[in-house]
Every structure is written in structure tokens, then in C-alpha cells.
Amino acid sequence: MNNTIKNSLDNNIPKRKCMTPTCNIDPLKHYSSAIRATKRAINASKNNNSEDVFSRLPAITSSALQKITSNRPCTKDLQKLLKTLIKEKLFKLNDIIIQEVQKA
């Protein structure tokens, strides 16, 4: 009985072919990871566990942090960095949305 049902389903219902997406799913992934890393660094600096966190920051975060301060970053510097990264991400996202609207 089960083989009959299985064979009829295989023969009568077409299989769905999954295609890999052609466009980038998250074009701002590097900003998202930088924001997450900055949040982790803020929490680590509040908990005094900040020895290894600053060495593992992404390239965007570390370059922006060098522009903000040349000394060892404190919590206020990291919060400024977080606000800056969020503003940059929103600005880039608005640009992407405007370009998609203009294409349509």
C-alpha cells in the first residue's frame, strides 16, 4: 500500500527544483557583523574582559575606531562607533532602495 502511494506521488506530483539565489541576500552583511562585534566589544569593556576583543574586530570597525580615537578605546568611543556604523548602514540601505525604485 505504501509503495503504491509513494509511486503515485512521485509520478503525478512534479518535484520542485530549487534554484540558488542569483542576487546577494544581505548586501550589507559586513555592516551587520561590524555592528554585532561592536556590541560585543561594548559589553566586554563594561565587564572588563576587553583584552582579546579589540584584536578580533572587523576591518571596517577597526579603521573607523582609529579615526575616532588613537588611544585604547573606552565605552564612549565604542558607542560613538556603534552610532556611526548604524548611520552608515541605514544610508547605504536607503541608497539601495532608491536604486531599486528607480529601476522599476
PDB file of N, CA and C in Angstrom:
ATOM      1  N   MET A   1       0.815  -1.195   0.000  1.00  0.00           N
ATOM      2  CA  MET A   1       0.000   0.000   0.000  1.00  0.00           C
ATOM      3  C   MET A   1       0.863   1.265   0.000  1.00  0.00           C
ATOM      4  N   ASN A   2       1.867   1.300   0.866  1.00  0.00           N
ATOM      5  CA  ASN A   2       2.718   2.480   0.947  1.00  0.00           C
ATOM      6  C   ASN A   2       3.516   2.708  -0.330  1.00  0.00           C
ATOM      7  N   ASN A   3       3.973   1.614  -0.943  1.00  0.00           N
ATOM      8  CA  ASN A   3       4.727   1.741  -2.187  1.00  0.00           C
ATOM      9  C   ASN A   3       3.845   2.275  -3.308  1.00  0.00           C
ATOM     10  N   THR A   4       2.594   1.889  -3.320  1.00  0.00           N
ATOM     11  CA  THR A   4       1.660   2.368  -4.336  1.00  0.00           C
ATOM     12  C   THR A   4       1.434   3.860  -4.199  1.00  0.00           C
ATOM     13  N   ILE A   5       1.244   4.319  -2.979  1.00  0.00           N
ATOM     14  CA  ILE A   5       1.038   5.756  -2.734  1.00  0.00           C
ATOM     15  C   ILE A   5       2.289   6.540  -3.074  1.00  0.00           C
ATOM     16  N   LYS A   6       3.428   6.003  -2.675  1.00  0.00           N
ATOM     17  CA  LYS A   6       4.693   6.694  -2.941  1.00  0.00           C
ATOM     18  C   LYS A   6       4.957   6.794  -4.439  1.00  0.00           C
ATOM     19  N   ASN A   7       4.713   5.718  -5.157  1.00  0.00           N
ATOM     20  CA  ASN A   7       4.928   5.736  -6.613  1.00  0.00           C
ATOM     21  C   ASN A   7       3.972   6.685  -7.311  1.00  0.00           C
ATOM     22  N   SER A   8       2.730   6.727  -6.865  1.00  0.00           N
ATOM     23  CA  SER A   8       1.776   7.632  -7.494  1.00  0.00           C
ATOM     24  C   SER A   8       2.128   9.094  -7.204  1.00  0.00           C
ATOM     25  N   LEU A   9       2.612   9.365  -6.004  1.00  0.00           N
ATOM     26  CA  LEU A   9       3.033  10.736  -5.697  1.00  0.00           C
ATOM     27  C   LEU A   9       4.245  11.139  -6.539  1.00  0.00           C
ATOM     28  N   ASP A  10       5.196  10.215  -6.675  1.00  0.00           N
ATOM     29  CA  ASP A  10       6.392  10.510  -7.470  1.00  0.00           C
ATOM     30  C   ASP A  10       6.047  10.734  -8.936  1.00  0.00           C
ATOM     31  N   ASN A  11       5.101   9.991  -9.445  1.00  0.00           N
ATOM     32  CA  ASN A  11       4.760  10.090 -10.862  1.00  0.00           C
ATOM     33  C   ASN A  11       3.841  11.264 -11.175  1.00  0.00           C
ATOM     34  N   ASN A  12       2.943  11.614 -10.282  1.00  0.00           N
ATOM     35  CA  ASN A  12       1.909  12.597 -10.587  1.00  0.00           C
ATOM     36  C   ASN A  12       2.208  14.015 -10.088  1.00  0.00           C
ATOM     37  N   ILE A  13       3.003  14.132  -9.041  1.00  0.00           N
ATOM     38  CA  ILE A  13       3.302  15.465  -8.498  1.00  0.00           C
ATOM     39  C   ILE A  13       4.717  15.839  -8.925  1.00  0.00           C
ATOM     40  N   PRO A  14       4.868  16.938  -9.647  1.00  0.00           N
ATOM     41  CA  PRO A  14       6.214  17.308 -10.102  1.00  0.00           C
ATOM     42  C   PRO A  14       7.082  17.767  -8.927  1.00  0.00           C
ATOM     43  N   LYS A  15       8.324  17.408  -8.999  1.00  0.00           N
ATOM     44  CA  LYS A  15       9.264  17.810  -7.960  1.00  0.00           C
ATOM     45  C   LYS A  15       9.628  19.262  -8.153  1.00  0.00           C
ATOM     46  N   ARG A  16       9.789  19.943  -7.072  1.00  0.00           N
ATOM     47  CA  ARG A  16      10.147  21.354  -7.118  1.00  0.00           C
ATOM     48  C   ARG A  16      11.654  21.480  -7.226  1.00  0.00           C
ATOM     49  N   LYS A  17      12.094  22.169  -8.237  1.00  0.00           N
ATOM     50  CA  LYS A  17      13.523  22.358  -8.429  1.00  0.00           C
ATOM     51  C   LYS A  17      13.935  23.646  -7.741  1.00  0.00           C
ATOM     52  N   CYS A  18      14.833  23.539  -6.787  1.00  0.00           N
ATOM     53  CA  CYS A  18      15.296  24.709  -6.045  1.00  0.00           C
ATOM     54  C   CYS A  18      16.455  25.346  -6.800  1.00  0.00           C
ATOM     55  N   MET A  19      16.351  26.629  -6.979  1.00  0.00           N
ATOM     56  CA  MET A  19      17.411  27.380  -7.647  1.00  0.00           C
ATOM     57  C   MET A  19      18.184  28.165  -6.600  1.00  0.00           C
ATOM     58  N   THR A  20      19.453  28.282  -6.823  1.00  0.00           N
ATOM     59  CA  THR A  20      20.239  29.107  -5.921  1.00  0.00           C
ATOM     60  C   THR A  20      19.935  30.565  -6.225  1.00  0.00           C
ATOM     61  N   PRO A  21      19.866  31.407  -5.216  1.00  0.00           N
ATOM     62  CA  PRO A  21      19.544  32.811  -5.475  1.00  0.00           C
ATOM     63  C   PRO A  21      20.647  33.488  -6.275  1.00  0.00           C
ATOM     64  N   THR A  22      20.237  34.309  -7.225  1.00  0.00           N
ATOM     65  CA  THR A  22      21.212  34.967  -8.082  1.00  0.00           C
ATOM     66  C   THR A  22      21.691  36.288  -7.477  1.00  0.00           C
ATOM     67  N   CYS A  23      20.881  36.889  -6.609  1.00  0.00           N
ATOM     68  CA  CYS A  23      21.297  38.148  -6.013  1.00  0.00           C
ATOM     69  C   CYS A  23      21.809  37.895  -4.596  1.00  0.00           C
ATOM     70  N   ASN A  24      22.569  38.835  -4.115  1.00  0.00           N
ATOM     71  CA  ASN A  24      23.109  38.747  -2.766  1.00  0.00           C
ATOM     72  C   ASN A  24      21.968  38.919  -1.764  1.00  0.00           C
ATOM     73  N   ILE A  25      21.819  37.989  -0.843  1.00  0.00           N
ATOM     74  CA  ILE A  25      20.706  38.020   0.094  1.00  0.00           C
ATOM     75  C   ILE A  25      20.839  39.199   1.055  1.00  0.00           C
ATOM     76  N   ASP A  26      22.007  39.398   1.607  1.00  0.00           N
ATOM     77  CA  ASP A  26      22.228  40.504   2.531  1.00  0.00           C
ATOM     78  C   ASP A  26      23.414  41.322   2.033  1.00  0.00           C
ATOM     79  N   PRO A  27      23.158  42.377   1.252  1.00  0.00           N
ATOM     80  CA  PRO A  27      24.272  43.145   0.702  1.00  0.00           C
ATOM     81  C   PRO A  27      25.033  43.943   1.757  1.00  0.00           C
ATOM     82  N   LEU A  28      24.469  44.102   2.932  1.00  0.00           N
ATOM     83  CA  LEU A  28      25.112  44.874   3.995  1.00  0.00           C
ATOM     84  C   LEU A  28      25.560  43.971   5.135  1.00  0.00           C
ATOM     85  N   LYS A  29      25.959  42.753   4.798  1.00  0.00           N
ATOM     86  CA  LYS A  29      26.330  41.784   5.820  1.00  0.00           C
ATOM     87  C   LYS A  29      27.557  42.238   6.608  1.00  0.00           C
ATOM     88  N   HIS A  30      28.503  42.894   5.940  1.00  0.00           N
ATOM     89  CA  HIS A  30      29.706  43.330   6.643  1.00  0.00           C
ATOM     90  C   HIS A  30      29.375  44.412   7.679  1.00  0.00           C
ATOM     91  N   TYR A  31      28.366  45.248   7.383  1.00  0.00           N
ATOM     92  CA  TYR A  31      27.946  46.235   8.379  1.00  0.00           C
ATOM     93  C   TYR A  31      27.269  45.550   9.565  1.00  0.00           C
ATOM     94  N   SER A  32      26.457  44.551   9.291  1.00  0.00           N
ATOM     95  CA  SER A  32      25.776  43.831  10.376  1.00  0.00           C
ATOM     96  C   SER A  32      26.774  43.140  11.287  1.00  0.00           C
ATOM     97  N   SER A  33      27.784  42.509  10.698  1.00  0.00           N
ATOM     98  CA  SER A  33      28.782  41.832  11.526  1.00  0.00           C
ATOM     99  C   SER A  33      29.627  42.837  12.302  1.00  0.00           C
ATOM    100  N   ALA A  34      29.883  44.002  11.706  1.00  0.00           N
ATOM    101  CA  ALA A  34      30.645  45.033  12.421  1.00  0.00           C
ATOM    102  C   ALA A  34      29.847  45.580  13.598  1.00  0.00           C
ATOM    103  N   ILE A  35      28.536  45.742  13.408  1.00  0.00           N
ATOM    104  CA  ILE A  35      27.686  46.233  14.493  1.00  0.00           C
ATOM    105  C   ILE A  35      27.637  45.210  15.624  1.00  0.00           C
ATOM    106  N   ARG A  36      27.504  43.934  15.279  1.00  0.00           N
ATOM    107  CA  ARG A  36      27.488  42.884  16.307  1.00  0.00           C
ATOM    108  C   ARG A  36      28.812  42.848  17.070  1.00  0.00           C
ATOM    109  N   ALA A  37      29.917  42.963  16.357  1.00  0.00           N
ATOM    110  CA  ALA A  37      31.228  42.930  17.005  1.00  0.00           C
ATOM    111  C   ALA A  37      31.415  44.138  17.921  1.00  0.00           C
ATOM    112  N   THR A  38      30.898  45.293  17.507  1.00  0.00           N
ATOM    113  CA  THR A  38      30.995  46.485  18.340  1.00  0.00           C
ATOM    114  C   THR A  38      30.169  46.327  19.610  1.00  0.00           C
ATOM    115  N   LYS A  39      28.990  45.746  19.475  1.00  0.00           N
ATOM    116  CA  LYS A  39      28.165  45.499  20.664  1.00  0.00           C
ATOM    117  C   LYS A  39      28.868  44.535  21.622  1.00  0.00           C
ATOM    118  N   ARG A  40      29.503  43.505  21.075  1.00  0.00           N
ATOM    119  CA  ARG A  40      30.255  42.576  21.918  1.00  0.00           C
ATOM    120  C   ARG A  40      31.408  43.275  22.615  1.00  0.00           C
ATOM    121  N   ALA A  41      32.070  44.175  21.897  1.00  0.00           N
ATOM    122  CA  ALA A  41      33.193  44.905  22.490  1.00  0.00           C
ATOM    123  C   ALA A  41      32.721  45.843  23.601  1.00  0.00           C
ATOM    124  N   ILE A  42      31.548  46.469  23.410  1.00  0.00           N
ATOM    125  CA  ILE A  42      30.995  47.339  24.454  1.00  0.00           C
ATOM    126  C   ILE A  42      30.696  46.525  25.706  1.00  0.00           C
ATOM    127  N   ASN A  43      30.058  45.374  25.536  1.00  0.00           N
ATOM    128  CA  ASN A  43      29.752  44.528  26.691  1.00  0.00           C
ATOM    129  C   ASN A  43      31.016  44.015  27.364  1.00  0.00           C
ATOM    130  N   ALA A  44      32.020  43.684  26.572  1.00  0.00           N
ATOM    131  CA  ALA A  44      33.271  43.194  27.155  1.00  0.00           C
ATOM    132  C   ALA A  44      34.000  44.299  27.906  1.00  0.00           C
ATOM    133  N   SER A  45      33.958  45.521  27.382  1.00  0.00           N
ATOM    134  CA  SER A  45      34.633  46.615  28.085  1.00  0.00           C
ATOM    135  C   SER A  45      33.899  46.978  29.372  1.00  0.00           C
ATOM    136  N   LYS A  46      32.568  46.826  29.373  1.00  0.00           N
ATOM    137  CA  LYS A  46      31.821  47.057  30.622  1.00  0.00           C
ATOM    138  C   LYS A  46      32.135  45.993  31.665  1.00  0.00           C
ATOM    139  N   ASN A  47      32.395  44.757  31.204  1.00  0.00           N
ATOM    140  CA  ASN A  47      32.681  43.651  32.117  1.00  0.00           C
ATOM    141  C   ASN A  47      34.175  43.458  32.354  1.00  0.00           C
ATOM    142  N   ASN A  48      35.002  44.371  31.843  1.00  0.00           N
ATOM    143  CA  ASN A  48      36.466  44.318  31.993  1.00  0.00           C
ATOM    144  C   ASN A  48      37.063  43.041  31.397  1.00  0.00           C
ATOM    145  N   ASN A  49      36.502  42.570  30.289  1.00  0.00           N
ATOM    146  CA  ASN A  49      37.025  41.404  29.577  1.00  0.00           C
ATOM    147  C   ASN A  49      37.505  41.800  28.192  1.00  0.00           C
ATOM    148  N   SER A  50      38.114  42.957  28.066  1.00  0.00           N
ATOM    149  CA  SER A  50      38.366  43.529  26.741  1.00  0.00           C
ATOM    150  C   SER A  50      39.763  43.275  26.193  1.00  0.00           C
ATOM    151  N   GLU A  51      40.488  42.282  26.721  1.00  0.00           N
ATOM    152  CA  GLU A  51      41.856  42.068  26.240  1.00  0.00           C
ATOM    153  C   GLU A  51      41.880  41.589  24.795  1.00  0.00           C
ATOM    154  N   ASP A  52      41.079  40.578  24.478  1.00  0.00           N
ATOM    155  CA  ASP A  52      41.150  39.944  23.167  1.00  0.00           C
ATOM    156  C   ASP A  52      40.109  40.479  22.194  1.00  0.00           C
ATOM    157  N   VAL A  53      39.131  41.223  22.665  1.00  0.00           N
ATOM    158  CA  VAL A  53      38.018  41.659  21.826  1.00  0.00           C
ATOM    159  C   VAL A  53      38.478  42.643  20.763  1.00  0.00           C
ATOM    160  N   PHE A  54      39.349  43.556  21.100  1.00  0.00           N
ATOM    161  CA  PHE A  54      39.758  44.592  20.152  1.00  0.00           C
ATOM    162  C   PHE A  54      40.630  44.046  19.037  1.00  0.00           C
ATOM    163  N   SER A  55      41.302  42.942  19.263  1.00  0.00           N
ATOM    164  CA  SER A  55      42.122  42.355  18.200  1.00  0.00           C
ATOM    165  C   SER A  55      41.273  41.614  17.178  1.00  0.00           C
ATOM    166  N   ARG A  56      40.042  41.222  17.543  1.00  0.00           N
ATOM    167  CA  ARG A  56      39.185  40.457  16.644  1.00  0.00           C
ATOM    168  C   ARG A  56      38.138  41.310  15.945  1.00  0.00           C
ATOM    169  N   LEU A  57      38.238  42.609  16.003  1.00  0.00           N
ATOM    170  CA  LEU A  57      37.257  43.475  15.354  1.00  0.00           C
ATOM    171  C   LEU A  57      37.419  43.418  13.834  1.00  0.00           C
ATOM    172  N   PRO A  58      36.318  43.506  13.075  1.00  0.00           N
ATOM    173  CA  PRO A  58      36.414  43.526  11.606  1.00  0.00           C
ATOM    174  C   PRO A  58      37.170  44.755  11.105  1.00  0.00           C
ATOM    175  N   ALA A  59      37.547  44.710   9.850  1.00  0.00           N
ATOM    176  CA  ALA A  59      38.361  45.779   9.264  1.00  0.00           C
ATOM    177  C   ALA A  59      37.634  47.117   9.266  1.00  0.00           C
ATOM    178  N   ILE A  60      36.329  47.113   8.951  1.00  0.00           N
ATOM    179  CA  ILE A  60      35.556  48.364   8.938  1.00  0.00           C
ATOM    180  C   ILE A  60      35.543  48.989  10.328  1.00  0.00           C
ATOM    181  N   THR A  61      35.337  48.147  11.333  1.00  0.00           N
ATOM    182  CA  THR A  61      35.245  48.631  12.704  1.00  0.00           C
ATOM    183  C   THR A  61      36.573  49.183  13.182  1.00  0.00           C
ATOM    184  N   SER A  62      37.642  48.470  12.932  1.00  0.00           N
ATOM    185  CA  SER A  62      38.940  48.932  13.424  1.00  0.00           C
ATOM    186  C   SER A  62      39.395  50.205  12.711  1.00  0.00           C
ATOM    187  N   SER A  63      39.110  50.342  11.407  1.00  0.00           N
ATOM    188  CA  SER A  63      39.508  51.570  10.710  1.00  0.00           C
ATOM    189  C   SER A  63      38.688  52.760  11.187  1.00  0.00           C
ATOM    190  N   ALA A  64      37.404  52.561  11.422  1.00  0.00           N
ATOM    191  CA  ALA A  64      36.566  53.650  11.934  1.00  0.00           C
ATOM    192  C   ALA A  64      36.960  54.007  13.360  1.00  0.00           C
ATOM    193  N   LEU A  65      37.348  53.016  14.135  1.00  0.00           N
ATOM    194  CA  LEU A  65      37.758  53.260  15.517  1.00  0.00           C
ATOM    195  C   LEU A  65      39.069  54.038  15.579  1.00  0.00           C
ATOM    196  N   GLN A  66      39.961  53.795  14.623  1.00  0.00           N
ATOM    197  CA  GLN A  66      41.214  54.555  14.566  1.00  0.00           C
ATOM    198  C   GLN A  66      40.953  56.010  14.209  1.00  0.00           C
ATOM    199  N   LYS A  67      39.893  56.269  13.410  1.00  0.00           N
ATOM    200  CA  LYS A  67      39.552  57.652  13.081  1.00  0.00           C
ATOM    201  C   LYS A  67      38.948  58.380  14.278  1.00  0.00           C
ATOM    202  N   ILE A  68      38.245  57.631  15.136  1.00  0.00           N
ATOM    203  CA  ILE A  68      37.626  58.254  16.309  1.00  0.00           C
ATOM    204  C   ILE A  68      38.663  58.537  17.380  1.00  0.00           C
ATOM    205  N   THR A  69      39.511  57.567  17.685  1.00  0.00           N
ATOM    206  CA  THR A  69      40.499  57.741  18.744  1.00  0.00           C
ATOM    207  C   THR A  69      41.773  56.986  18.401  1.00  0.00           C
ATOM    208  N   SER A  70      42.887  57.513  18.863  1.00  0.00           N
ATOM    209  CA  SER A  70      44.158  56.827  18.648  1.00  0.00           C
ATOM    210  C   SER A  70      44.582  56.048  19.891  1.00  0.00           C
ATOM    211  N   ASN A  71      43.937  56.326  21.013  1.00  0.00           N
ATOM    212  CA  ASN A  71      44.240  55.621  22.254  1.00  0.00           C
ATOM    213  C   ASN A  71      43.436  54.336  22.343  1.00  0.00           C
ATOM    214  N   ARG A  72      43.581  53.661  23.455  1.00  0.00           N
ATOM    215  CA  ARG A  72      42.767  52.466  23.696  1.00  0.00           C
ATOM    216  C   ARG A  72      41.306  52.897  23.828  1.00  0.00           C
ATOM    217  N   PRO A  73      40.400  52.261  23.076  1.00  0.00           N
ATOM    218  CA  PRO A  73      39.003  52.722  23.075  1.00  0.00           C
ATOM    219  C   PRO A  73      38.307  52.462  24.405  1.00  0.00           C
ATOM    220  N   CYS A  74      37.521  53.438  24.804  1.00  0.00           N
ATOM    221  CA  CYS A  74      36.706  53.282  26.002  1.00  0.00           C
ATOM    222  C   CYS A  74      35.259  53.044  25.562  1.00  0.00           C
ATOM    223  N   THR A  75      34.365  52.948  26.519  1.00  0.00           N
ATOM    224  CA  THR A  75      32.973  52.637  26.214  1.00  0.00           C
ATOM    225  C   THR A  75      32.320  53.738  25.391  1.00  0.00           C
ATOM    226  N   LYS A  76      32.632  55.003  25.700  1.00  0.00           N
ATOM    227  CA  LYS A  76      32.036  56.110  24.946  1.00  0.00           C
ATOM    228  C   LYS A  76      32.490  56.089  23.489  1.00  0.00           C
ATOM    229  N   ASP A  77      33.758  55.782  23.270  1.00  0.00           N
ATOM    230  CA  ASP A  77      34.257  55.692  21.889  1.00  0.00           C
ATOM    231  C   ASP A  77      33.567  54.570  21.127  1.00  0.00           C
ATOM    232  N   LEU A  78      33.353  53.447  21.791  1.00  0.00           N
ATOM    233  CA  LEU A  78      32.675  52.330  21.138  1.00  0.00           C
ATOM    234  C   LEU A  78      31.214  52.652  20.855  1.00  0.00           C
ATOM    235  N   GLN A  79      30.570  53.413  21.736  1.00  0.00           N
ATOM    236  CA  GLN A  79      29.187  53.810  21.487  1.00  0.00           C
ATOM    237  C   GLN A  79      29.098  54.789  20.317  1.00  0.00           C
ATOM    238  N   LYS A  80      30.067  55.704  20.203  1.00  0.00           N
ATOM    239  CA  LYS A  80      30.121  56.595  19.037  1.00  0.00           C
ATOM    240  C   LYS A  80      30.297  55.780  17.758  1.00  0.00           C
ATOM    241  N   LEU A  81      31.167  54.793  17.839  1.00  0.00           N
ATOM    242  CA  LEU A  81      31.409  53.921  16.691  1.00  0.00           C
ATOM    243  C   LEU A  81      30.145  53.164  16.307  1.00  0.00           C
ATOM    244  N   LEU A  82      29.412  52.679  17.286  1.00  0.00           N
ATOM    245  CA  LEU A  82      28.177  51.953  17.024  1.00  0.00           C
ATOM    246  C   LEU A  82      27.155  52.853  16.335  1.00  0.00           C
ATOM    247  N   LYS A  83      27.000  54.075  16.809  1.00  0.00           N
ATOM    248  CA  LYS A  83      26.068  55.013  16.173  1.00  0.00           C
ATOM    249  C   LYS A  83      26.495  55.314  14.741  1.00  0.00           C
ATOM    250  N   THR A  84      27.783  55.486  14.533  1.00  0.00           N
ATOM    251  CA  THR A  84      28.295  55.772  13.196  1.00  0.00           C
ATOM    252  C   THR A  84      28.037  54.605  12.246  1.00  0.00           C
ATOM    253  N   LEU A  85      28.285  53.380  12.712  1.00  0.00           N
ATOM    254  CA  LEU A  85      28.063  52.209  11.866  1.00  0.00           C
ATOM    255  C   LEU A  85      26.594  52.040  11.514  1.00  0.00           C
ATOM    256  N   ILE A  86      25.714  52.300  12.474  1.00  0.00           N
ATOM    257  CA  ILE A  86      24.281  52.178  12.201  1.00  0.00           C
ATOM    258  C   ILE A  86      23.840  53.233  11.189  1.00  0.00           C
ATOM    259  N   LYS A  87      24.359  54.462  11.327  1.00  0.00           N
ATOM    260  CA  LYS A  87      24.005  55.512  10.372  1.00  0.00           C
ATOM    261  C   LYS A  87      24.511  55.174   8.972  1.00  0.00           C
ATOM    262  N   GLU A  88      25.740  54.645   8.874  1.00  0.00           N
ATOM    263  CA  GLU A  88      26.277  54.263   7.567  1.00  0.00           C
ATOM    264  C   GLU A  88      25.451  53.145   6.939  1.00  0.00           C
ATOM    265  N   LYS A  89      25.050  52.172   7.754  1.00  0.00           N
ATOM    266  CA  LYS A  89      24.249  51.064   7.230  1.00  0.00           C
ATOM    267  C   LYS A  89      22.904  51.567   6.721  1.00  0.00           C
ATOM    268  N   LEU A  90      22.265  52.450   7.463  1.00  0.00           N
ATOM    269  CA  LEU A  90      20.983  52.997   7.031  1.00  0.00           C
ATOM    270  C   LEU A  90      21.135  53.831   5.763  1.00  0.00           C
ATOM    271  N   PHE A  91      22.218  54.584   5.658  1.00  0.00           N
ATOM    272  CA  PHE A  91      22.468  55.397   4.466  1.00  0.00           C
ATOM    273  C   PHE A  91      22.649  54.505   3.237  1.00  0.00           C
ATOM    274  N   LYS A  92      23.447  53.444   3.373  1.00  0.00           N
ATOM    275  CA  LYS A  92      23.662  52.514   2.252  1.00  0.00           C
ATOM    276  C   LYS A  92      22.358  51.790   1.888  1.00  0.00           C
ATOM    277  N   LEU A  93      21.574  51.433   2.909  1.00  0.00           N
ATOM    278  CA  LEU A  93      20.309  50.757   2.659  1.00  0.00           C
ATOM    279  C   LEU A  93      19.339  51.668   1.921  1.00  0.00           C
ATOM    280  N   ASN A  94      19.298  52.944   2.292  1.00  0.00           N
ATOM    281  CA  ASN A  94      18.449  53.905   1.579  1.00  0.00           C
ATOM    282  C   ASN A  94      18.888  54.047   0.123  1.00  0.00           C
ATOM    283  N   ASP A  95      20.198  54.064  -0.115  1.00  0.00           N
ATOM    284  CA  ASP A  95      20.696  54.136  -1.490  1.00  0.00           C
ATOM    285  C   ASP A  95      20.259  52.923  -2.307  1.00  0.00           C
ATOM    286  N   ILE A  96      20.334  51.738  -1.704  1.00  0.00           N
ATOM    287  CA  ILE A  96      19.933  50.519  -2.410  1.00  0.00           C
ATOM    288  C   ILE A  96      18.443  50.566  -2.735  1.00  0.00           C
ATOM    289  N   ILE A  97      17.636  51.005  -1.788  1.00  0.00           N
ATOM    290  CA  ILE A  97      16.186  51.083  -2.007  1.00  0.00           C
ATOM    291  C   ILE A  97      15.862  52.082  -3.108  1.00  0.00           C
ATOM    292  N   ILE A  98      16.524  53.231  -3.101  1.00  0.00           N
ATOM    293  CA  ILE A  98      16.289  54.246  -4.133  1.00  0.00           C
ATOM    294  C   ILE A  98      16.672  53.708  -5.511  1.00  0.00           C
ATOM    295  N   GLN A  99      17.784  52.980  -5.599  1.00  0.00           N
ATOM    296  CA  GLN A  99      18.189  52.412  -6.884  1.00  0.00           C
ATOM    297  C   GLN A  99      17.190  51.377  -7.385  1.00  0.00           C
ATOM    298  N   GLU A 100      16.644  50.558  -6.482  1.00  0.00           N
ATOM    299  CA  GLU A 100      15.657  49.553  -6.893  1.00  0.00           C
ATOM    300  C   GLU A 100      14.366  50.204  -7.346  1.00  0.00           C
ATOM    301  N   VAL A 101      13.968  51.304  -6.701  1.00  0.00           N
ATOM    302  CA  VAL A 101      12.747  52.007  -7.088  1.00  0.00           C
ATOM    303  C   VAL A 101      12.932  52.657  -8.460  1.00  0.00           C
ATOM    304  N   GLN A 102      14.119  53.205  -8.707  1.00  0.00           N
ATOM    305  CA  GLN A 102      14.382  53.834  -9.991  1.00  0.00           C
ATOM    306  C   GLN A 102      14.437  52.822 -11.121  1.00  0.00           C
ATOM    307  N   LYS A 103      14.887  51.597 -10.840  1.00  0.00           N
ATOM    308  CA  LYS A 103      14.917  50.558 -11.875  1.00  0.00           C
ATOM    309  C   LYS A 103      13.512  50.137 -12.276  1.00  0.00           C
ATOM    310  N   ALA A 104      12.610  50.114 -11.309  1.00  0.00           N
ATOM    311  CA  ALA A 104      11.237  49.633 -11.583  1.00  0.00           C
ATOM    312  C   ALA A 104      10.393  50.663 -12.254  1.00  0.00           C
TER     313      ALA A 104
END
